[in-house]
Amino acid sequence: MKTNGARFLESLGIAFELREYEVDPDDLTAITVAKKIGMPAEQVFKTLLTTTGAGDYVFAVIPGDSELDFKKLARAAGWRKAEMATLKDVQPLTGYIRGGVTVFGAKKPYPVFVDETIILFDRISVSAGTRGTQLILAPDDYLRAAAAFGEPVQTVDLTKDTKPPTTEGRAKPPEAQT
């Protein structure tokens, strides 16, 4: 199935693979999509429309097994705060429905902030612009295509840290001191 995202990549001469999967409308998570298309969740990037709450929007593109850190995004975007755009705003602003949002072919281009881990992989997966279809392509090609809309594209750390806090550099509790 050809999508706007696929047509856009073709217009740029970018190689990609379309991979289709059966959609469960009750489970649109990137982790489920990853299982269905046979890729690790950290290589399946989800595209989130975010806002300042005052009419400014950006796309945040993060690994499927991660959670967006709104403070990191706000800092990168030069905003005081960031939050998810409301679900009712997503389709009118992008032309896409939840589970099918992509930066390619959106109604209006917005700046794109991509998690820095994208460069760790030979191939990544992103929505093709419809539920049930993913684009598989090289990260460099994704970044080049995203930049073709004329909006800024930045690669930054966008995800919440999942590592347990370390005790390095902290004073030991009295019972641990010898």
N, C-alpha and C. Protein backbone atom coordinates (compact mmCIF):
# COMPACT_ATOMS: atom_id res chain seq x y z
N MET A 1 0.85 -1.19 0.00
CA MET A 1 0.00 0.00 0.00
C MET A 1 0.89 1.25 0.00
N LYS A 2 0.72 2.08 -0.99
CA LYS A 2 1.48 3.33 -1.06
C LYS A 2 0.85 4.35 -0.13
N THR A 3 1.69 5.02 0.63
CA THR A 3 1.22 6.06 1.55
C THR A 3 1.88 7.38 1.17
N ASN A 4 1.39 8.48 1.76
CA ASN A 4 2.03 9.78 1.51
C ASN A 4 3.50 9.75 1.90
N GLY A 5 3.79 9.07 3.02
CA GLY A 5 5.17 8.96 3.47
C GLY A 5 6.04 8.24 2.44
N ALA A 6 5.53 7.15 1.89
CA ALA A 6 6.28 6.38 0.88
C ALA A 6 6.47 7.21 -0.39
N ARG A 7 5.42 7.89 -0.82
CA ARG A 7 5.52 8.73 -2.02
C ARG A 7 6.56 9.85 -1.82
N PHE A 8 6.57 10.43 -0.63
CA PHE A 8 7.52 11.50 -0.35
C PHE A 8 8.95 10.97 -0.42
N LEU A 9 9.22 9.82 0.20
CA LEU A 9 10.57 9.25 0.15
C LEU A 9 10.96 8.92 -1.29
N GLU A 10 10.03 8.39 -2.07
CA GLU A 10 10.31 8.10 -3.48
C GLU A 10 10.68 9.38 -4.23
N SER A 11 9.99 10.47 -3.93
CA SER A 11 10.26 11.74 -4.63
C SER A 11 11.67 12.24 -4.34
N LEU A 12 12.25 11.82 -3.21
CA LEU A 12 13.61 12.21 -2.84
C LEU A 12 14.65 11.17 -3.28
N GLY A 13 14.18 10.07 -3.86
CA GLY A 13 15.09 9.00 -4.28
C GLY A 13 15.67 8.22 -3.12
N ILE A 14 14.94 8.18 -2.01
CA ILE A 14 15.41 7.47 -0.80
C ILE A 14 14.88 6.04 -0.80
N ALA A 15 15.80 5.11 -0.60
CA ALA A 15 15.44 3.69 -0.55
C ALA A 15 14.75 3.38 0.78
N PHE A 16 13.69 2.59 0.71
CA PHE A 16 12.96 2.18 1.90
C PHE A 16 12.23 0.88 1.63
N GLU A 17 11.76 0.28 2.69
CA GLU A 17 10.91 -0.90 2.59
C GLU A 17 9.61 -0.58 3.30
N LEU A 18 8.50 -1.00 2.72
CA LEU A 18 7.21 -0.90 3.39
C LEU A 18 6.94 -2.24 4.06
N ARG A 19 6.56 -2.20 5.32
CA ARG A 19 6.24 -3.43 6.04
C ARG A 19 4.87 -3.27 6.65
N GLU A 20 3.95 -4.14 6.29
CA GLU A 20 2.58 -4.06 6.78
C GLU A 20 2.37 -5.05 7.93
N TYR A 21 1.42 -4.74 8.79
CA TYR A 21 1.08 -5.59 9.92
C TYR A 21 -0.40 -5.41 10.24
N GLU A 22 -0.94 -6.38 10.95
CA GLU A 22 -2.34 -6.30 11.34
C GLU A 22 -2.50 -5.38 12.54
N VAL A 23 -3.45 -4.45 12.44
CA VAL A 23 -3.65 -3.43 13.47
C VAL A 23 -4.65 -3.91 14.52
N ASP A 24 -4.28 -3.73 15.77
CA ASP A 24 -5.20 -3.92 16.89
C ASP A 24 -5.51 -2.53 17.42
N PRO A 25 -6.72 -1.99 17.15
CA PRO A 25 -7.02 -0.61 17.57
C PRO A 25 -6.95 -0.40 19.08
N ASP A 26 -6.97 -1.49 19.85
CA ASP A 26 -6.86 -1.37 21.30
C ASP A 26 -5.42 -1.40 21.79
N ASP A 27 -4.48 -1.67 20.89
CA ASP A 27 -3.06 -1.71 21.27
C ASP A 27 -2.23 -1.15 20.12
N LEU A 28 -2.01 0.15 20.16
CA LEU A 28 -1.26 0.83 19.11
C LEU A 28 0.18 1.14 19.53
N THR A 29 0.66 0.49 20.59
CA THR A 29 1.99 0.80 21.11
C THR A 29 3.08 0.42 20.12
N ALA A 30 4.17 1.16 20.16
CA ALA A 30 5.31 0.87 19.29
C ALA A 30 5.93 -0.48 19.63
N ILE A 31 5.83 -0.90 20.87
CA ILE A 31 6.37 -2.20 21.27
C ILE A 31 5.60 -3.32 20.56
N THR A 32 4.29 -3.19 20.48
CA THR A 32 3.47 -4.17 19.77
C THR A 32 3.78 -4.15 18.28
N VAL A 33 3.90 -2.95 17.72
CA VAL A 33 4.23 -2.82 16.30
C VAL A 33 5.57 -3.51 16.03
N ALA A 34 6.56 -3.28 16.90
CA ALA A 34 7.88 -3.89 16.73
C ALA A 34 7.78 -5.40 16.66
N LYS A 35 7.01 -5.99 17.56
CA LYS A 35 6.85 -7.45 17.55
C LYS A 35 6.22 -7.91 16.25
N LYS A 36 5.23 -7.18 15.77
CA LYS A 36 4.51 -7.57 14.57
C LYS A 36 5.35 -7.45 13.30
N ILE A 37 6.30 -6.51 13.28
CA ILE A 37 7.13 -6.35 12.08
C ILE A 37 8.50 -7.02 12.23
N GLY A 38 8.74 -7.64 13.40
CA GLY A 38 9.97 -8.40 13.61
C GLY A 38 11.22 -7.55 13.80
N MET A 39 11.07 -6.41 14.46
CA MET A 39 12.23 -5.56 14.76
C MET A 39 12.27 -5.28 16.26
N PRO A 40 13.46 -5.01 16.81
CA PRO A 40 13.55 -4.63 18.22
C PRO A 40 12.83 -3.29 18.44
N ALA A 41 12.18 -3.15 19.58
CA ALA A 41 11.40 -1.94 19.88
C ALA A 41 12.26 -0.68 19.86
N GLU A 42 13.53 -0.79 20.21
CA GLU A 42 14.37 0.41 20.21
C GLU A 42 14.69 0.90 18.80
N GLN A 43 14.39 0.11 17.77
CA GLN A 43 14.59 0.52 16.38
C GLN A 43 13.30 0.99 15.72
N VAL A 44 12.19 0.85 16.42
CA VAL A 44 10.90 1.31 15.90
C VAL A 44 10.61 2.65 16.57
N PHE A 45 10.75 3.72 15.82
CA PHE A 45 10.61 5.06 16.38
C PHE A 45 9.18 5.56 16.24
N LYS A 46 8.68 6.12 17.34
CA LYS A 46 7.33 6.68 17.34
C LYS A 46 7.42 8.19 17.18
N THR A 47 6.46 8.75 16.46
CA THR A 47 6.43 10.19 16.18
C THR A 47 5.30 10.81 16.99
N LEU A 48 5.67 11.72 17.87
CA LEU A 48 4.71 12.35 18.78
C LEU A 48 4.60 13.84 18.45
N LEU A 49 3.37 14.33 18.37
CA LEU A 49 3.17 15.77 18.19
C LEU A 49 3.08 16.40 19.57
N THR A 50 3.93 17.37 19.81
CA THR A 50 3.99 18.02 21.12
C THR A 50 3.76 19.51 20.96
N THR A 51 3.45 20.17 22.09
CA THR A 51 3.11 21.59 22.05
C THR A 51 3.59 22.30 23.32
N THR A 52 3.63 23.63 23.23
CA THR A 52 3.88 24.45 24.41
C THR A 52 2.57 24.65 25.17
N GLY A 53 1.46 24.33 24.51
CA GLY A 53 0.15 24.63 25.07
C GLY A 53 -0.32 25.99 24.61
N ALA A 54 0.53 26.71 23.88
CA ALA A 54 0.19 28.07 23.43
C ALA A 54 0.26 28.18 21.90
N GLY A 55 0.07 27.04 21.22
CA GLY A 55 0.01 27.08 19.76
C GLY A 55 1.29 26.79 19.02
N ASP A 56 2.39 26.51 19.71
CA ASP A 56 3.63 26.10 19.05
C ASP A 56 3.71 24.58 19.09
N TYR A 57 4.15 23.97 17.99
CA TYR A 57 4.19 22.51 17.90
C TYR A 57 5.54 22.06 17.36
N VAL A 58 5.97 20.88 17.78
CA VAL A 58 7.13 20.18 17.22
C VAL A 58 6.84 18.69 17.25
N PHE A 59 7.52 17.97 16.35
CA PHE A 59 7.48 16.52 16.39
C PHE A 59 8.63 16.04 17.27
N ALA A 60 8.34 15.08 18.13
CA ALA A 60 9.37 14.40 18.91
C ALA A 60 9.38 12.95 18.44
N VAL A 61 10.53 12.46 18.02
CA VAL A 61 10.66 11.12 17.46
C VAL A 61 11.58 10.32 18.38
N ILE A 62 11.00 9.31 19.04
CA ILE A 62 11.75 8.56 20.06
C ILE A 62 11.60 7.06 19.86
N PRO A 63 12.53 6.27 20.41
CA PRO A 63 12.43 4.82 20.31
C PRO A 63 11.14 4.29 20.94
N GLY A 64 10.62 3.23 20.36
CA GLY A 64 9.36 2.66 20.81
C GLY A 64 9.36 2.13 22.22
N ASP A 65 10.53 1.81 22.76
CA ASP A 65 10.59 1.27 24.12
C ASP A 65 10.93 2.35 25.14
N SER A 66 10.87 3.61 24.73
CA SER A 66 11.25 4.71 25.62
C SER A 66 10.08 5.66 25.87
N GLU A 67 10.27 6.51 26.87
CA GLU A 67 9.28 7.51 27.22
C GLU A 67 9.89 8.89 27.00
N LEU A 68 9.11 9.78 26.41
CA LEU A 68 9.57 11.14 26.14
C LEU A 68 9.79 11.90 27.45
N ASP A 69 10.93 12.56 27.55
CA ASP A 69 11.22 13.43 28.68
C ASP A 69 10.86 14.85 28.24
N PHE A 70 9.73 15.35 28.73
CA PHE A 70 9.22 16.65 28.30
C PHE A 70 10.17 17.80 28.66
N LYS A 71 10.89 17.67 29.76
CA LYS A 71 11.84 18.71 30.15
C LYS A 71 12.99 18.79 29.15
N LYS A 72 13.49 17.64 28.73
CA LYS A 72 14.58 17.63 27.75
C LYS A 72 14.10 18.22 26.42
N LEU A 73 12.88 17.86 26.01
CA LEU A 73 12.34 18.39 24.76
C LEU A 73 12.16 19.90 24.86
N ALA A 74 11.59 20.37 25.95
CA ALA A 74 11.38 21.82 26.12
C ALA A 74 12.71 22.57 26.04
N ARG A 75 13.73 22.04 26.70
CA ARG A 75 15.05 22.67 26.66
C ARG A 75 15.57 22.72 25.22
N ALA A 76 15.48 21.60 24.51
CA ALA A 76 15.98 21.53 23.13
C ALA A 76 15.22 22.48 22.21
N ALA A 77 13.92 22.63 22.44
CA ALA A 77 13.08 23.47 21.59
C ALA A 77 13.12 24.94 22.00
N GLY A 78 13.73 25.23 23.14
CA GLY A 78 13.76 26.60 23.63
C GLY A 78 12.45 27.04 24.24
N TRP A 79 11.70 26.06 24.74
CA TRP A 79 10.40 26.32 25.36
C TRP A 79 10.54 26.30 26.87
N ARG A 80 9.57 26.89 27.54
CA ARG A 80 9.51 26.82 29.00
C ARG A 80 8.98 25.45 29.43
N LYS A 81 8.00 24.93 28.67
CA LYS A 81 7.45 23.60 28.98
C LYS A 81 6.98 22.95 27.69
N ALA A 82 6.86 21.63 27.72
CA ALA A 82 6.35 20.87 26.58
C ALA A 82 5.34 19.86 27.11
N GLU A 83 4.37 19.55 26.27
CA GLU A 83 3.37 18.53 26.61
C GLU A 83 2.87 17.92 25.32
N MET A 84 2.16 16.81 25.44
CA MET A 84 1.58 16.18 24.26
C MET A 84 0.48 17.06 23.70
N ALA A 85 0.39 17.13 22.39
CA ALA A 85 -0.76 17.79 21.76
C ALA A 85 -1.98 16.93 22.08
N THR A 86 -3.14 17.55 22.19
CA THR A 86 -4.34 16.77 22.49
C THR A 86 -4.65 15.87 21.30
N LEU A 87 -5.24 14.73 21.61
CA LEU A 87 -5.59 13.77 20.57
C LEU A 87 -6.52 14.39 19.53
N LYS A 88 -7.42 15.26 19.99
CA LYS A 88 -8.36 15.90 19.04
C LYS A 88 -7.66 16.87 18.11
N ASP A 89 -6.45 17.34 18.46
CA ASP A 89 -5.70 18.26 17.61
C ASP A 89 -4.78 17.55 16.62
N VAL A 90 -4.42 16.30 16.90
CA VAL A 90 -3.42 15.61 16.10
C VAL A 90 -3.84 15.50 14.62
N GLN A 91 -5.03 14.99 14.34
CA GLN A 91 -5.43 14.82 12.95
C GLN A 91 -5.60 16.15 12.20
N PRO A 92 -6.27 17.16 12.78
CA PRO A 92 -6.37 18.43 12.06
C PRO A 92 -5.01 19.08 11.77
N LEU A 93 -4.04 18.90 12.67
CA LEU A 93 -2.73 19.54 12.51
C LEU A 93 -1.79 18.76 11.60
N THR A 94 -1.90 17.42 11.61
CA THR A 94 -0.95 16.60 10.85
C THR A 94 -1.58 15.90 9.65
N GLY A 95 -2.88 15.66 9.72
CA GLY A 95 -3.53 14.86 8.68
C GLY A 95 -3.50 13.38 8.99
N TYR A 96 -2.91 13.02 10.11
CA TYR A 96 -2.77 11.62 10.50
C TYR A 96 -3.50 11.33 11.80
N ILE A 97 -3.87 10.05 12.00
CA ILE A 97 -4.50 9.65 13.24
C ILE A 97 -3.49 8.95 14.14
N ARG A 98 -3.79 8.89 15.42
CA ARG A 98 -2.91 8.23 16.40
C ARG A 98 -2.56 6.84 15.90
N GLY A 99 -1.29 6.50 15.96
CA GLY A 99 -0.83 5.21 15.47
C GLY A 99 -0.37 5.28 14.03
N GLY A 100 -0.54 6.42 13.39
CA GLY A 100 -0.13 6.58 12.00
C GLY A 100 0.55 7.90 11.73
N VAL A 101 1.00 8.59 12.78
CA VAL A 101 1.62 9.90 12.61
C VAL A 101 3.06 9.75 12.11
N THR A 102 3.40 10.55 11.12
CA THR A 102 4.76 10.62 10.60
C THR A 102 5.06 12.06 10.21
N VAL A 103 6.34 12.41 10.16
CA VAL A 103 6.70 13.77 9.73
C VAL A 103 6.55 13.92 8.23
N PHE A 104 6.57 12.80 7.50
CA PHE A 104 6.51 12.83 6.04
C PHE A 104 5.09 13.05 5.55
N GLY A 105 4.87 14.14 4.87
CA GLY A 105 3.56 14.40 4.29
C GLY A 105 2.55 14.97 5.26
N ALA A 106 2.99 15.42 6.41
CA ALA A 106 2.07 16.04 7.36
C ALA A 106 1.48 17.29 6.72
N LYS A 107 0.27 17.66 7.15
CA LYS A 107 -0.40 18.84 6.59
C LYS A 107 0.48 20.08 6.65
N LYS A 108 1.18 20.21 7.75
CA LYS A 108 2.06 21.36 7.94
C LYS A 108 3.38 20.84 8.52
N PRO A 109 4.50 21.31 8.00
CA PRO A 109 5.77 20.87 8.59
C PRO A 109 6.02 21.58 9.92
N TYR A 110 6.52 20.83 10.86
CA TYR A 110 6.91 21.36 12.16
C TYR A 110 8.37 20.99 12.39
N PRO A 111 9.08 21.74 13.25
CA PRO A 111 10.44 21.32 13.60
C PRO A 111 10.40 19.88 14.14
N VAL A 112 11.50 19.17 13.91
CA VAL A 112 11.59 17.76 14.29
C VAL A 112 12.75 17.57 15.25
N PHE A 113 12.48 16.96 16.38
CA PHE A 113 13.50 16.60 17.36
C PHE A 113 13.54 15.08 17.44
N VAL A 114 14.68 14.51 17.08
CA VAL A 114 14.84 13.06 17.01
C VAL A 114 15.79 12.62 18.10
N ASP A 115 15.42 11.55 18.81
CA ASP A 115 16.30 11.05 19.85
C ASP A 115 17.64 10.61 19.25
N GLU A 116 18.70 10.94 19.95
CA GLU A 116 20.06 10.70 19.48
C GLU A 116 20.39 9.23 19.21
N THR A 117 19.62 8.31 19.78
CA THR A 117 19.90 6.88 19.58
C THR A 117 19.62 6.43 18.15
N ILE A 118 18.96 7.25 17.36
CA ILE A 118 18.63 6.87 15.99
C ILE A 118 19.88 6.48 15.20
N ILE A 119 21.00 7.12 15.47
CA ILE A 119 22.22 6.87 14.70
C ILE A 119 22.90 5.56 15.06
N LEU A 120 22.42 4.86 16.07
CA LEU A 120 23.03 3.61 16.50
C LEU A 120 22.68 2.43 15.60
N PHE A 121 21.71 2.61 14.70
CA PHE A 121 21.17 1.49 13.94
C PHE A 121 21.42 1.63 12.44
N ASP A 122 21.50 0.47 11.77
CA ASP A 122 21.60 0.47 10.30
C ASP A 122 20.27 0.82 9.67
N ARG A 123 19.18 0.33 10.29
CA ARG A 123 17.84 0.56 9.78
C ARG A 123 16.91 0.88 10.95
N ILE A 124 15.96 1.75 10.70
CA ILE A 124 14.94 2.07 11.70
C ILE A 124 13.57 1.92 11.03
N SER A 125 12.54 1.94 11.86
CA SER A 125 11.18 1.88 11.37
C SER A 125 10.41 3.07 11.92
N VAL A 126 9.60 3.68 11.05
CA VAL A 126 8.69 4.76 11.45
C VAL A 126 7.37 4.54 10.75
N SER A 127 6.33 5.14 11.25
CA SER A 127 5.03 5.01 10.61
C SER A 127 5.10 5.55 9.18
N ALA A 128 4.38 4.87 8.29
CA ALA A 128 4.33 5.30 6.90
C ALA A 128 3.23 6.32 6.67
N GLY A 129 2.46 6.63 7.72
CA GLY A 129 1.39 7.61 7.60
C GLY A 129 0.01 6.99 7.71
N THR A 130 -0.03 5.72 8.02
CA THR A 130 -1.29 5.03 8.24
C THR A 130 -1.05 3.88 9.21
N ARG A 131 -2.04 3.57 9.99
CA ARG A 131 -1.91 2.42 10.88
C ARG A 131 -1.75 1.16 10.03
N GLY A 132 -0.85 0.30 10.47
CA GLY A 132 -0.67 -0.98 9.78
C GLY A 132 0.43 -0.97 8.73
N THR A 133 1.12 0.15 8.57
CA THR A 133 2.21 0.20 7.59
C THR A 133 3.38 1.00 8.16
N GLN A 134 4.56 0.39 8.10
CA GLN A 134 5.78 1.02 8.59
C GLN A 134 6.76 1.22 7.45
N LEU A 135 7.56 2.26 7.53
CA LEU A 135 8.67 2.51 6.62
C LEU A 135 9.94 2.03 7.30
N ILE A 136 10.73 1.23 6.62
CA ILE A 136 12.03 0.80 7.12
C ILE A 136 13.08 1.50 6.26
N LEU A 137 13.97 2.25 6.90
CA LEU A 137 14.98 2.99 6.15
C LEU A 137 16.19 3.27 7.02
N ALA A 138 17.25 3.75 6.39
CA ALA A 138 18.48 4.11 7.10
C ALA A 138 18.25 5.40 7.89
N PRO A 139 18.81 5.50 9.09
CA PRO A 139 18.65 6.72 9.90
C PRO A 139 19.09 8.00 9.18
N ASP A 140 20.21 7.95 8.47
CA ASP A 140 20.66 9.14 7.75
C ASP A 140 19.64 9.58 6.71
N ASP A 141 19.02 8.60 6.05
CA ASP A 141 17.99 8.92 5.06
C ASP A 141 16.75 9.52 5.73
N TYR A 142 16.41 9.00 6.90
CA TYR A 142 15.27 9.55 7.65
C TYR A 142 15.54 11.03 7.98
N LEU A 143 16.72 11.30 8.51
CA LEU A 143 17.06 12.67 8.90
C LEU A 143 17.10 13.60 7.68
N ARG A 144 17.64 13.12 6.57
CA ARG A 144 17.70 13.93 5.35
C ARG A 144 16.29 14.22 4.83
N ALA A 145 15.41 13.21 4.85
CA ALA A 145 14.04 13.40 4.38
C ALA A 145 13.28 14.35 5.30
N ALA A 146 13.48 14.22 6.61
CA ALA A 146 12.78 15.10 7.55
C ALA A 146 13.21 16.55 7.34
N ALA A 147 14.48 16.76 7.01
CA ALA A 147 14.99 18.11 6.79
C ALA A 147 14.51 18.70 5.46
N ALA A 148 14.04 17.87 4.55
CA ALA A 148 13.62 18.34 3.23
C ALA A 148 12.39 19.25 3.28
N PHE A 149 11.70 19.27 4.42
CA PHE A 149 10.53 20.13 4.56
C PHE A 149 10.90 21.57 4.90
N GLY A 150 12.19 21.82 5.15
CA GLY A 150 12.62 23.18 5.42
C GLY A 150 12.51 23.59 6.88
N GLU A 151 12.06 22.69 7.73
CA GLU A 151 11.99 22.96 9.16
C GLU A 151 13.24 22.38 9.83
N PRO A 152 13.66 22.94 10.96
CA PRO A 152 14.85 22.41 11.64
C PRO A 152 14.65 20.95 12.09
N VAL A 153 15.73 20.18 11.96
CA VAL A 153 15.76 18.80 12.45
C VAL A 153 16.97 18.70 13.37
N GLN A 154 16.73 18.33 14.62
CA GLN A 154 17.83 18.21 15.59
C GLN A 154 17.83 16.81 16.19
N THR A 155 19.02 16.28 16.37
CA THR A 155 19.19 14.99 17.03
C THR A 155 19.69 15.29 18.45
N VAL A 156 18.87 14.94 19.46
CA VAL A 156 19.19 15.25 20.86
C VAL A 156 18.72 14.11 21.76
N ASP A 157 19.15 14.13 23.00
CA ASP A 157 18.66 13.18 24.00
C ASP A 157 17.26 13.62 24.41
N LEU A 158 16.26 12.77 24.12
CA LEU A 158 14.87 13.12 24.41
C LEU A 158 14.17 12.18 25.37
N THR A 159 14.82 11.11 25.77
CA THR A 159 14.10 10.10 26.55
C THR A 159 14.43 10.17 28.03
N LYS A 160 13.46 9.69 28.79
CA LYS A 160 13.67 9.62 30.24
C LYS A 160 14.76 8.62 30.54
N ASP A 161 15.58 8.95 31.51
CA ASP A 161 16.63 8.03 31.92
C ASP A 161 15.99 6.86 32.65
N THR A 162 16.38 5.66 32.25
CA THR A 162 15.80 4.47 32.87
C THR A 162 16.79 3.77 33.79
N LYS A 163 17.99 4.34 33.87
CA LYS A 163 19.00 3.74 34.74
C LYS A 163 18.67 4.07 36.20
N PRO A 164 18.89 3.11 37.10
CA PRO A 164 18.67 3.42 38.51
C PRO A 164 19.67 4.48 38.97
N PRO A 165 19.26 5.34 39.88
CA PRO A 165 20.18 6.37 40.35
C PRO A 165 21.41 5.75 40.98
N THR A 166 22.55 6.37 40.77
CA THR A 166 23.78 5.83 41.34
C THR A 166 24.05 6.52 42.67
N THR A 167 24.89 5.88 43.44
CA THR A 167 25.28 6.47 44.72
C THR A 167 26.65 7.12 44.60
N GLU A 168 27.21 7.05 43.39
CA GLU A 168 28.53 7.61 43.17
C GLU A 168 28.52 9.11 43.49
N GLY A 169 29.49 9.54 44.25
CA GLY A 169 29.61 10.96 44.56
C GLY A 169 28.78 11.39 45.75
N ARG A 170 28.00 10.47 46.30
CA ARG A 170 27.18 10.82 47.47
C ARG A 170 27.89 10.32 48.73
N ALA A 171 27.58 10.99 49.83
CA ALA A 171 28.14 10.53 51.11
C ALA A 171 27.52 9.20 51.47
N LYS A 172 28.33 8.30 52.02
CA LYS A 172 27.80 7.00 52.44
C LYS A 172 26.99 7.19 53.71
N PRO A 173 25.90 6.39 53.84
CA PRO A 173 25.16 6.45 55.09
C PRO A 173 26.08 6.01 56.26
N PRO A 174 25.81 6.54 57.47
CA PRO A 174 26.70 6.26 58.61
C PRO A 174 27.00 4.77 58.81
N GLU A 175 25.98 3.90 58.59
CA GLU A 175 26.21 2.48 58.83
C GLU A 175 27.12 1.86 57.79
N ALA A 176 27.31 2.52 56.63
CA ALA A 176 28.17 2.00 55.57
C ALA A 176 29.60 2.52 55.67
N GLN A 177 29.82 3.51 56.54
CA GLN A 177 31.16 4.07 56.65
C GLN A 177 32.01 3.19 57.56
N THR A 178 33.27 3.05 57.16
CA THR A 178 34.20 2.26 57.99
C THR A 178 35.43 3.04 58.33
